[in-house]
Amino acid sequence: MSDFNERCYRVLKSVPKGKVTTYSAIAKRLNSKAFRAVGSAMRRNTDRSIPCHRVINSDGRVGNYNRGKALKIKLLRGEGVTITDGKVDLKRFSAWIS
């Protein structure tokens, strides 16, 4: 696993249940503009203790998940995150605004 991926996962672990973040917000926390690399790190993750389902697109769309979009939605809803028309209200559920 690359150092960048490990740093992404460390940042992501600080997002509490019931909250989400974005690929770009994680990149900013890493002093980087590499939001696509953050997406790649999430896609490569196999450790279920890392809550990759909490990472969404910057426009609120749920986006993809390496274990399937339906499971991502189920996990988010199970944590109390409301999803309407495939989107999450970032003002209400964001751990940090990017």
PDB file of N, CA and C in Angstrom:
ATOM      1  N   MET A   1       0.853  -1.182   0.000  1.00  0.00           N
ATOM      2  CA  MET A   1       0.000   0.000   0.000  1.00  0.00           C
ATOM      3  C   MET A   1       0.897   1.243   0.000  1.00  0.00           C
ATOM      4  N   SER A   2       0.536   2.229  -0.783  1.00  0.00           N
ATOM      5  CA  SER A   2       1.356   3.440  -0.862  1.00  0.00           C
ATOM      6  C   SER A   2       1.147   4.323   0.359  1.00  0.00           C
ATOM      7  N   ASP A   3       2.138   5.170   0.599  1.00  0.00           N
ATOM      8  CA  ASP A   3       2.045   6.125   1.701  1.00  0.00           C
ATOM      9  C   ASP A   3       0.849   7.062   1.506  1.00  0.00           C
ATOM     10  N   PHE A   4       0.600   7.471   0.251  1.00  0.00           N
ATOM     11  CA  PHE A   4      -0.534   8.350  -0.019  1.00  0.00           C
ATOM     12  C   PHE A   4      -1.837   7.666   0.367  1.00  0.00           C
ATOM     13  N   ASN A   5      -1.991   6.405  -0.019  1.00  0.00           N
ATOM     14  CA  ASN A   5      -3.208   5.666   0.328  1.00  0.00           C
ATOM     15  C   ASN A   5      -3.368   5.581   1.836  1.00  0.00           C
ATOM     16  N   GLU A   6      -2.307   5.253   2.539  1.00  0.00           N
ATOM     17  CA  GLU A   6      -2.365   5.160   3.997  1.00  0.00           C
ATOM     18  C   GLU A   6      -2.781   6.478   4.625  1.00  0.00           C
ATOM     19  N   ARG A   7      -2.253   7.586   4.100  1.00  0.00           N
ATOM     20  CA  ARG A   7      -2.635   8.898   4.630  1.00  0.00           C
ATOM     21  C   ARG A   7      -4.104   9.199   4.341  1.00  0.00           C
ATOM     22  N   CYS A   8      -4.587   8.807   3.168  1.00  0.00           N
ATOM     23  CA  CYS A   8      -6.016   8.975   2.840  1.00  0.00           C
ATOM     24  C   CYS A   8      -6.884   8.224   3.853  1.00  0.00           C
ATOM     25  N   TYR A   9      -6.525   6.988   4.115  1.00  0.00           N
ATOM     26  CA  TYR A   9      -7.310   6.150   5.025  1.00  0.00           C
ATOM     27  C   TYR A   9      -7.281   6.717   6.446  1.00  0.00           C
ATOM     28  N   ARG A  10      -6.143   7.241   6.860  1.00  0.00           N
ATOM     29  CA  ARG A  10      -6.036   7.831   8.196  1.00  0.00           C
ATOM     30  C   ARG A  10      -6.989   9.027   8.327  1.00  0.00           C
ATOM     31  N   VAL A  11      -7.000   9.883   7.309  1.00  0.00           N
ATOM     32  CA  VAL A  11      -7.917  11.034   7.314  1.00  0.00           C
ATOM     33  C   VAL A  11      -9.357  10.546   7.331  1.00  0.00           C
ATOM     34  N   LEU A  12      -9.679   9.586   6.496  1.00  0.00           N
ATOM     35  CA  LEU A  12     -11.046   9.085   6.390  1.00  0.00           C
ATOM     36  C   LEU A  12     -11.533   8.489   7.704  1.00  0.00           C
ATOM     37  N   LYS A  13     -10.658   7.840   8.442  1.00  0.00           N
ATOM     38  CA  LYS A  13     -11.063   7.240   9.715  1.00  0.00           C
ATOM     39  C   LYS A  13     -11.531   8.287  10.731  1.00  0.00           C
ATOM     40  N   SER A  14     -11.218   9.567  10.502  1.00  0.00           N
ATOM     41  CA  SER A  14     -11.672  10.616  11.420  1.00  0.00           C
ATOM     42  C   SER A  14     -13.093  11.084  11.122  1.00  0.00           C
ATOM     43  N   VAL A  15     -13.681  10.591  10.039  1.00  0.00           N
ATOM     44  CA  VAL A  15     -15.066  10.946   9.695  1.00  0.00           C
ATOM     45  C   VAL A  15     -15.993  10.069  10.530  1.00  0.00           C
ATOM     46  N   PRO A  16     -16.807  10.685  11.393  1.00  0.00           N
ATOM     47  CA  PRO A  16     -17.682   9.883  12.262  1.00  0.00           C
ATOM     48  C   PRO A  16     -18.856   9.253  11.526  1.00  0.00           C
ATOM     49  N   LYS A  17     -19.425   8.236  12.140  1.00  0.00           N
ATOM     50  CA  LYS A  17     -20.641   7.622  11.598  1.00  0.00           C
ATOM     51  C   LYS A  17     -21.702   8.697  11.444  1.00  0.00           C
ATOM     52  N   GLY A  18     -22.468   8.592  10.370  1.00  0.00           N
ATOM     53  CA  GLY A  18     -23.534   9.565  10.139  1.00  0.00           C
ATOM     54  C   GLY A  18     -23.065  10.823   9.433  1.00  0.00           C
ATOM     55  N   LYS A  19     -21.792  10.877   9.072  1.00  0.00           N
ATOM     56  CA  LYS A  19     -21.235  12.022   8.352  1.00  0.00           C
ATOM     57  C   LYS A  19     -20.544  11.514   7.100  1.00  0.00           C
ATOM     58  N   VAL A  20     -20.337  12.401   6.137  1.00  0.00           N
ATOM     59  CA  VAL A  20     -19.648  12.062   4.900  1.00  0.00           C
ATOM     60  C   VAL A  20     -18.573  13.102   4.641  1.00  0.00           C
ATOM     61  N   THR A  21     -17.729  12.798   3.694  1.00  0.00           N
ATOM     62  CA  THR A  21     -16.751  13.750   3.200  1.00  0.00           C
ATOM     63  C   THR A  21     -16.637  13.551   1.696  1.00  0.00           C
ATOM     64  N   THR A  22     -15.829  14.366   1.057  1.00  0.00           N
ATOM     65  CA  THR A  22     -15.653  14.271  -0.385  1.00  0.00           C
ATOM     66  C   THR A  22     -14.207  13.914  -0.709  1.00  0.00           C
ATOM     67  N   TYR A  23     -14.004  13.461  -1.933  1.00  0.00           N
ATOM     68  CA  TYR A  23     -12.659  13.143  -2.399  1.00  0.00           C
ATOM     69  C   TYR A  23     -11.778  14.391  -2.315  1.00  0.00           C
ATOM     70  N   SER A  24     -12.322  15.533  -2.736  1.00  0.00           N
ATOM     71  CA  SER A  24     -11.534  16.767  -2.719  1.00  0.00           C
ATOM     72  C   SER A  24     -11.247  17.243  -1.295  1.00  0.00           C
ATOM     73  N   ALA A  25     -12.166  17.016  -0.369  1.00  0.00           N
ATOM     74  CA  ALA A  25     -11.925  17.426   1.027  1.00  0.00           C
ATOM     75  C   ALA A  25     -10.790  16.603   1.634  1.00  0.00           C
ATOM     76  N   ILE A  26     -10.736  15.322   1.307  1.00  0.00           N
ATOM     77  CA  ILE A  26      -9.633  14.496   1.796  1.00  0.00           C
ATOM     78  C   ILE A  26      -8.321  14.983   1.193  1.00  0.00           C
ATOM     79  N   ALA A  27      -8.320  15.260  -0.105  1.00  0.00           N
ATOM     80  CA  ALA A  27      -7.108  15.767  -0.752  1.00  0.00           C
ATOM     81  C   ALA A  27      -6.636  17.057  -0.087  1.00  0.00           C
ATOM     82  N   LYS A  28      -7.565  17.961   0.178  1.00  0.00           N
ATOM     83  CA  LYS A  28      -7.193  19.227   0.831  1.00  0.00           C
ATOM     84  C   LYS A  28      -6.584  18.988   2.205  1.00  0.00           C
ATOM     85  N   ARG A  29      -7.131  18.050   2.950  1.00  0.00           N
ATOM     86  CA  ARG A  29      -6.577  17.729   4.276  1.00  0.00           C
ATOM     87  C   ARG A  29      -5.168  17.157   4.180  1.00  0.00           C
ATOM     88  N   LEU A  30      -4.842  16.638   3.013  1.00  0.00           N
ATOM     89  CA  LEU A  30      -3.501  16.086   2.777  1.00  0.00           C
ATOM     90  C   LEU A  30      -2.606  17.111   2.071  1.00  0.00           C
ATOM     91  N   ASN A  31      -3.082  18.361   1.992  1.00  0.00           N
ATOM     92  CA  ASN A  31      -2.353  19.421   1.290  1.00  0.00           C
ATOM     93  C   ASN A  31      -2.042  19.018  -0.144  1.00  0.00           C
ATOM     94  N   SER A  32      -3.044  18.491  -0.806  1.00  0.00           N
ATOM     95  CA  SER A  32      -2.911  17.991  -2.167  1.00  0.00           C
ATOM     96  C   SER A  32      -4.118  18.424  -2.985  1.00  0.00           C
ATOM     97  N   LYS A  33      -3.959  18.394  -4.290  1.00  0.00           N
ATOM     98  CA  LYS A  33      -5.078  18.638  -5.200  1.00  0.00           C
ATOM     99  C   LYS A  33      -5.483  17.346  -5.893  1.00  0.00           C
ATOM    100  N   ALA A  34      -4.898  16.242  -5.474  1.00  0.00           N
ATOM    101  CA  ALA A  34      -5.051  14.953  -6.151  1.00  0.00           C
ATOM    102  C   ALA A  34      -6.312  14.209  -5.721  1.00  0.00           C
ATOM    103  N   PHE A  35      -7.476  14.818  -5.973  1.00  0.00           N
ATOM    104  CA  PHE A  35      -8.723  14.162  -5.560  1.00  0.00           C
ATOM    105  C   PHE A  35      -8.967  12.867  -6.323  1.00  0.00           C
ATOM    106  N   ARG A  36      -8.469  12.773  -7.551  1.00  0.00           N
ATOM    107  CA  ARG A  36      -8.632  11.523  -8.300  1.00  0.00           C
ATOM    108  C   ARG A  36      -7.796  10.409  -7.677  1.00  0.00           C
ATOM    109  N   ALA A  37      -6.626  10.762  -7.158  1.00  0.00           N
ATOM    110  CA  ALA A  37      -5.789   9.766  -6.474  1.00  0.00           C
ATOM    111  C   ALA A  37      -6.469   9.298  -5.198  1.00  0.00           C
ATOM    112  N   VAL A  38      -7.219  10.193  -4.549  1.00  0.00           N
ATOM    113  CA  VAL A  38      -7.997   9.792  -3.369  1.00  0.00           C
ATOM    114  C   VAL A  38      -9.042   8.760  -3.790  1.00  0.00           C
ATOM    115  N   GLY A  39      -9.704   9.000  -4.909  1.00  0.00           N
ATOM    116  CA  GLY A  39     -10.678   8.039  -5.437  1.00  0.00           C
ATOM    117  C   GLY A  39     -10.041   6.691  -5.725  1.00  0.00           C
ATOM    118  N   SER A  40      -8.849   6.718  -6.281  1.00  0.00           N
ATOM    119  CA  SER A  40      -8.132   5.465  -6.550  1.00  0.00           C
ATOM    120  C   SER A  40      -7.804   4.732  -5.262  1.00  0.00           C
ATOM    121  N   ALA A  41      -7.406   5.482  -4.242  1.00  0.00           N
ATOM    122  CA  ALA A  41      -7.109   4.861  -2.941  1.00  0.00           C
ATOM    123  C   ALA A  41      -8.352   4.195  -2.372  1.00  0.00           C
ATOM    124  N   MET A  42      -9.503   4.853  -2.497  1.00  0.00           N
ATOM    125  CA  MET A  42     -10.743   4.282  -1.984  1.00  0.00           C
ATOM    126  C   MET A  42     -11.114   3.016  -2.760  1.00  0.00           C
ATOM    127  N   ARG A  43     -10.927   3.067  -4.066  1.00  0.00           N
ATOM    128  CA  ARG A  43     -11.263   1.931  -4.921  1.00  0.00           C
ATOM    129  C   ARG A  43     -10.386   0.712  -4.607  1.00  0.00           C
ATOM    130  N   ARG A  44      -9.134   0.965  -4.229  1.00  0.00           N
ATOM    131  CA  ARG A  44      -8.195  -0.127  -3.946  1.00  0.00           C
ATOM    132  C   ARG A  44      -8.327  -0.695  -2.537  1.00  0.00           C
ATOM    133  N   ASN A  45      -9.032  -0.020  -1.673  1.00  0.00           N
ATOM    134  CA  ASN A  45      -9.119  -0.446  -0.280  1.00  0.00           C
ATOM    135  C   ASN A  45      -9.819  -1.801  -0.141  1.00  0.00           C
ATOM    136  N   THR A  46      -9.235  -2.674   0.658  1.00  0.00           N
ATOM    137  CA  THR A  46      -9.859  -3.963   0.958  1.00  0.00           C
ATOM    138  C   THR A  46     -10.113  -4.132   2.453  1.00  0.00           C
ATOM    139  N   ASP A  47      -9.697  -3.158   3.241  1.00  0.00           N
ATOM    140  CA  ASP A  47      -9.845  -3.213   4.701  1.00  0.00           C
ATOM    141  C   ASP A  47     -11.214  -2.650   5.083  1.00  0.00           C
ATOM    142  N   ARG A  48     -12.093  -3.505   5.545  1.00  0.00           N
ATOM    143  CA  ARG A  48     -13.470  -3.066   5.852  1.00  0.00           C
ATOM    144  C   ARG A  48     -13.562  -2.143   7.066  1.00  0.00           C
ATOM    145  N   SER A  49     -12.471  -1.998   7.825  1.00  0.00           N
ATOM    146  CA  SER A  49     -12.495  -1.066   8.956  1.00  0.00           C
ATOM    147  C   SER A  49     -12.317   0.385   8.492  1.00  0.00           C
ATOM    148  N   ILE A  50     -11.960   0.568   7.230  1.00  0.00           N
ATOM    149  CA  ILE A  50     -11.819   1.908   6.665  1.00  0.00           C
ATOM    150  C   ILE A  50     -13.138   2.250   5.973  1.00  0.00           C
ATOM    151  N   PRO A  51     -13.841   3.283   6.455  1.00  0.00           N
ATOM    152  CA  PRO A  51     -15.206   3.569   5.989  1.00  0.00           C
ATOM    153  C   PRO A  51     -15.277   4.314   4.656  1.00  0.00           C
ATOM    154  N   CYS A  52     -14.820   3.661   3.588  1.00  0.00           N
ATOM    155  CA  CYS A  52     -14.817   4.295   2.262  1.00  0.00           C
ATOM    156  C   CYS A  52     -16.222   4.674   1.782  1.00  0.00           C
ATOM    157  N   HIS A  53     -17.235   4.036   2.341  1.00  0.00           N
ATOM    158  CA  HIS A  53     -18.604   4.369   1.934  1.00  0.00           C
ATOM    159  C   HIS A  53     -18.969   5.797   2.333  1.00  0.00           C
ATOM    160  N   ARG A  54     -18.202   6.426   3.208  1.00  0.00           N
ATOM    161  CA  ARG A  54     -18.482   7.794   3.652  1.00  0.00           C
ATOM    162  C   ARG A  54     -17.903   8.859   2.721  1.00  0.00           C
ATOM    163  N   VAL A  55     -17.269   8.446   1.642  1.00  0.00           N
ATOM    164  CA  VAL A  55     -16.705   9.404   0.689  1.00  0.00           C
ATOM    165  C   VAL A  55     -17.644   9.521  -0.502  1.00  0.00           C
ATOM    166  N   ILE A  56     -18.088  10.758  -0.766  1.00  0.00           N
ATOM    167  CA  ILE A  56     -19.032  11.009  -1.856  1.00  0.00           C
ATOM    168  C   ILE A  56     -18.475  12.085  -2.785  1.00  0.00           C
ATOM    169  N   ASN A  57     -19.167  12.318  -3.872  1.00  0.00           N
ATOM    170  CA  ASN A  57     -18.750  13.354  -4.822  1.00  0.00           C
ATOM    171  C   ASN A  57     -19.018  14.741  -4.250  1.00  0.00           C
ATOM    172  N   SER A  58     -18.276  15.729  -4.745  1.00  0.00           N
ATOM    173  CA  SER A  58     -18.383  17.088  -4.208  1.00  0.00           C
ATOM    174  C   SER A  58     -19.725  17.748  -4.490  1.00  0.00           C
ATOM    175  N   ASP A  59     -20.515  17.195  -5.408  1.00  0.00           N
ATOM    176  CA  ASP A  59     -21.849  17.743  -5.673  1.00  0.00           C
ATOM    177  C   ASP A  59     -22.930  17.009  -4.875  1.00  0.00           C
ATOM    178  N   GLY A  60     -22.498  16.120  -3.972  1.00  0.00           N
ATOM    179  CA  GLY A  60     -23.442  15.395  -3.125  1.00  0.00           C
ATOM    180  C   GLY A  60     -23.860  14.043  -3.660  1.00  0.00           C
ATOM    181  N   ARG A  61     -23.536  13.742  -4.938  1.00  0.00           N
ATOM    182  CA  ARG A  61     -23.891  12.433  -5.472  1.00  0.00           C
ATOM    183  C   ARG A  61     -23.149  11.346  -4.706  1.00  0.00           C
ATOM    184  N   VAL A  62     -23.818  10.242  -4.494  1.00  0.00           N
ATOM    185  CA  VAL A  62     -23.253   9.142  -3.721  1.00  0.00           C
ATOM    186  C   VAL A  62     -21.988   8.601  -4.374  1.00  0.00           C
ATOM    187  N   GLY A  63     -21.983   8.461  -5.675  1.00  0.00           N
ATOM    188  CA  GLY A  63     -20.803   7.958  -6.369  1.00  0.00           C
ATOM    189  C   GLY A  63     -20.645   6.451  -6.243  1.00  0.00           C
ATOM    190  N   ASN A  64     -19.517   5.967  -6.694  1.00  0.00           N
ATOM    191  CA  ASN A  64     -19.263   4.530  -6.722  1.00  0.00           C
ATOM    192  C   ASN A  64     -18.693   4.030  -5.398  1.00  0.00           C
ATOM    193  N   TYR A  65     -18.580   2.714  -5.312  1.00  0.00           N
ATOM    194  CA  TYR A  65     -18.061   2.059  -4.112  1.00  0.00           C
ATOM    195  C   TYR A  65     -17.504   0.720  -4.557  1.00  0.00           C
ATOM    196  N   ASN A  66     -16.346   0.340  -4.025  1.00  0.00           N
ATOM    197  CA  ASN A  66     -15.714  -0.893  -4.491  1.00  0.00           C
ATOM    198  C   ASN A  66     -16.491  -2.156  -4.120  1.00  0.00           C
ATOM    199  N   ARG A  67     -17.492  -2.037  -3.271  1.00  0.00           N
ATOM    200  CA  ARG A  67     -18.336  -3.183  -2.912  1.00  0.00           C
ATOM    201  C   ARG A  67     -19.747  -3.027  -3.462  1.00  0.00           C
ATOM    202  N   GLY A  68     -19.932  -2.054  -4.363  1.00  0.00           N
ATOM    203  CA  GLY A  68     -21.226  -1.833  -5.008  1.00  0.00           C
ATOM    204  C   GLY A  68     -21.962  -0.631  -4.454  1.00  0.00           C
ATOM    205  N   LYS A  69     -22.547   0.121  -5.349  1.00  0.00           N
ATOM    206  CA  LYS A  69     -23.268   1.346  -4.987  1.00  0.00           C
ATOM    207  C   LYS A  69     -24.459   1.069  -4.065  1.00  0.00           C
ATOM    208  N   ALA A  70     -25.168  -0.018  -4.311  1.00  0.00           N
ATOM    209  CA  ALA A  70     -26.332  -0.345  -3.472  1.00  0.00           C
ATOM    210  C   ALA A  70     -25.908  -0.554  -2.019  1.00  0.00           C
ATOM    211  N   LEU A  71     -24.776  -1.224  -1.819  1.00  0.00           N
ATOM    212  CA  LEU A  71     -24.293  -1.428  -0.452  1.00  0.00           C
ATOM    213  C   LEU A  71     -23.853  -0.110   0.171  1.00  0.00           C
ATOM    214  N   LYS A  72     -23.234   0.761  -0.620  1.00  0.00           N
ATOM    215  CA  LYS A  72     -22.816   2.072  -0.119  1.00  0.00           C
ATOM    216  C   LYS A  72     -24.034   2.840   0.408  1.00  0.00           C
ATOM    217  N   ILE A  73     -25.090   2.845  -0.371  1.00  0.00           N
ATOM    218  CA  ILE A  73     -26.319   3.540   0.038  1.00  0.00           C
ATOM    219  C   ILE A  73     -26.889   2.904   1.298  1.00  0.00           C
ATOM    220  N   LYS A  74     -26.908   1.596   1.350  1.00  0.00           N
ATOM    221  CA  LYS A  74     -27.423   0.887   2.525  1.00  0.00           C
ATOM    222  C   LYS A  74     -26.603   1.233   3.767  1.00  0.00           C
ATOM    223  N   LEU A  75     -25.282   1.247   3.644  1.00  0.00           N
ATOM    224  CA  LEU A  75     -24.423   1.571   4.790  1.00  0.00           C
ATOM    225  C   LEU A  75     -24.633   3.011   5.255  1.00  0.00           C
ATOM    226  N   LEU A  76     -24.703   3.937   4.305  1.00  0.00           N
ATOM    227  CA  LEU A  76     -24.929   5.338   4.674  1.00  0.00           C
ATOM    228  C   LEU A  76     -26.285   5.516   5.356  1.00  0.00           C
ATOM    229  N   ARG A  77     -27.317   4.935   4.791  1.00  0.00           N
ATOM    230  CA  ARG A  77     -28.651   5.044   5.408  1.00  0.00           C
ATOM    231  C   ARG A  77     -28.666   4.403   6.785  1.00  0.00           C
ATOM    232  N   GLY A  78     -27.931   3.300   6.936  1.00  0.00           N
ATOM    233  CA  GLY A  78     -27.835   2.638   8.233  1.00  0.00           C
ATOM    234  C   GLY A  78     -27.178   3.513   9.287  1.00  0.00           C
ATOM    235  N   GLU A  79     -26.388   4.478   8.847  1.00  0.00           N
ATOM    236  CA  GLU A  79     -25.741   5.425   9.764  1.00  0.00           C
ATOM    237  C   GLU A  79     -26.574   6.694   9.946  1.00  0.00           C
ATOM    238  N   GLY A  80     -27.748   6.738   9.304  1.00  0.00           N
ATOM    239  CA  GLY A  80     -28.630   7.885   9.466  1.00  0.00           C
ATOM    240  C   GLY A  80     -28.485   8.964   8.418  1.00  0.00           C
ATOM    241  N   VAL A  81     -27.694   8.726   7.383  1.00  0.00           N
ATOM    242  CA  VAL A  81     -27.514   9.695   6.308  1.00  0.00           C
ATOM    243  C   VAL A  81     -28.702   9.585   5.349  1.00  0.00           C
ATOM    244  N   THR A  82     -29.351  10.701   5.100  1.00  0.00           N
ATOM    245  CA  THR A  82     -30.485  10.750   4.185  1.00  0.00           C
ATOM    246  C   THR A  82     -29.979  10.921   2.753  1.00  0.00           C
ATOM    247  N   ILE A  83     -30.493  10.102   1.854  1.00  0.00           N
ATOM    248  CA  ILE A  83     -30.126  10.175   0.446  1.00  0.00           C
ATOM    249  C   ILE A  83     -31.402  10.403  -0.345  1.00  0.00           C
ATOM    250  N   THR A  84     -31.440  11.512  -1.055  1.00  0.00           N
ATOM    251  CA  THR A  84     -32.606  11.874  -1.842  1.00  0.00           C
ATOM    252  C   THR A  84     -32.186  12.047  -3.295  1.00  0.00           C
ATOM    253  N   ASP A  85     -32.829  11.320  -4.186  1.00  0.00           N
ATOM    254  CA  ASP A  85     -32.497  11.363  -5.615  1.00  0.00           C
ATOM    255  C   ASP A  85     -31.006  11.118  -5.852  1.00  0.00           C
ATOM    256  N   GLY A  86     -30.422  10.183  -5.100  1.00  0.00           N
ATOM    257  CA  GLY A  86     -29.026   9.810  -5.274  1.00  0.00           C
ATOM    258  C   GLY A  86     -28.017  10.777  -4.704  1.00  0.00           C
ATOM    259  N   LYS A  87     -28.514  11.755  -3.912  1.00  0.00           N
ATOM    260  CA  LYS A  87     -27.623  12.776  -3.361  1.00  0.00           C
ATOM    261  C   LYS A  87     -27.756  12.889  -1.849  1.00  0.00           C
ATOM    262  N   VAL A  88     -26.651  13.332  -1.244  1.00  0.00           N
ATOM    263  CA  VAL A  88     -26.583  13.599   0.190  1.00  0.00           C
ATOM    264  C   VAL A  88     -26.520  15.114   0.368  1.00  0.00           C
ATOM    265  N   ASP A  89     -27.239  15.637   1.339  1.00  0.00           N
ATOM    266  CA  ASP A  89     -27.189  17.066   1.649  1.00  0.00           C
ATOM    267  C   ASP A  89     -25.879  17.349   2.387  1.00  0.00           C
ATOM    268  N   LEU A  90     -24.919  17.942   1.686  1.00  0.00           N
ATOM    269  CA  LEU A  90     -23.600  18.180   2.276  1.00  0.00           C
ATOM    270  C   LEU A  90     -23.642  19.158   3.446  1.00  0.00           C
ATOM    271  N   LYS A  91     -24.555  20.118   3.390  1.00  0.00           N
ATOM    272  CA  LYS A  91     -24.640  21.077   4.503  1.00  0.00           C
ATOM    273  C   LYS A  91     -25.051  20.375   5.788  1.00  0.00           C
ATOM    274  N   ARG A  92     -25.833  19.355   5.658  1.00  0.00           N
ATOM    275  CA  ARG A  92     -26.346  18.640   6.840  1.00  0.00           C
ATOM    276  C   ARG A  92     -25.423  17.499   7.283  1.00  0.00           C
ATOM    277  N   PHE A  93     -24.813  16.781   6.333  1.00  0.00           N
ATOM    278  CA  PHE A  93     -24.106  15.555   6.682  1.00  0.00           C
ATOM    279  C   PHE A  93     -22.587  15.600   6.496  1.00  0.00           C
ATOM    280  N   SER A  94     -22.038  16.707   6.028  1.00  0.00           N
ATOM    281  CA  SER A  94     -20.610  16.759   5.800  1.00  0.00           C
ATOM    282  C   SER A  94     -19.829  16.838   7.105  1.00  0.00           C
ATOM    283  N   ALA A  95     -18.774  16.028   7.206  1.00  0.00           N
ATOM    284  CA  ALA A  95     -17.889  16.095   8.367  1.00  0.00           C
ATOM    285  C   ALA A  95     -17.100  17.392   8.342  1.00  0.00           C
ATOM    286  N   TRP A  96     -16.693  17.809   7.156  1.00  0.00           N
ATOM    287  CA  TRP A  96     -16.024  19.079   6.946  1.00  0.00           C
ATOM    288  C   TRP A  96     -16.383  19.556   5.556  1.00  0.00           C
ATOM    289  N   ILE A  97     -16.606  20.818   5.430  1.00  0.00           N
ATOM    290  CA  ILE A  97     -16.938  21.391   4.116  1.00  0.00           C
ATOM    291  C   ILE A  97     -15.627  21.588   3.357  1.00  0.00           C
ATOM    292  N   SER A  98     -15.603  21.114   2.121  1.00  0.00           N
ATOM    293  CA  SER A  98     -14.374  21.244   1.313  1.00  0.00           C
ATOM    294  C   SER A  98     -14.322  22.591   0.625  1.00  0.00           C
TER     295      SER A  98
END
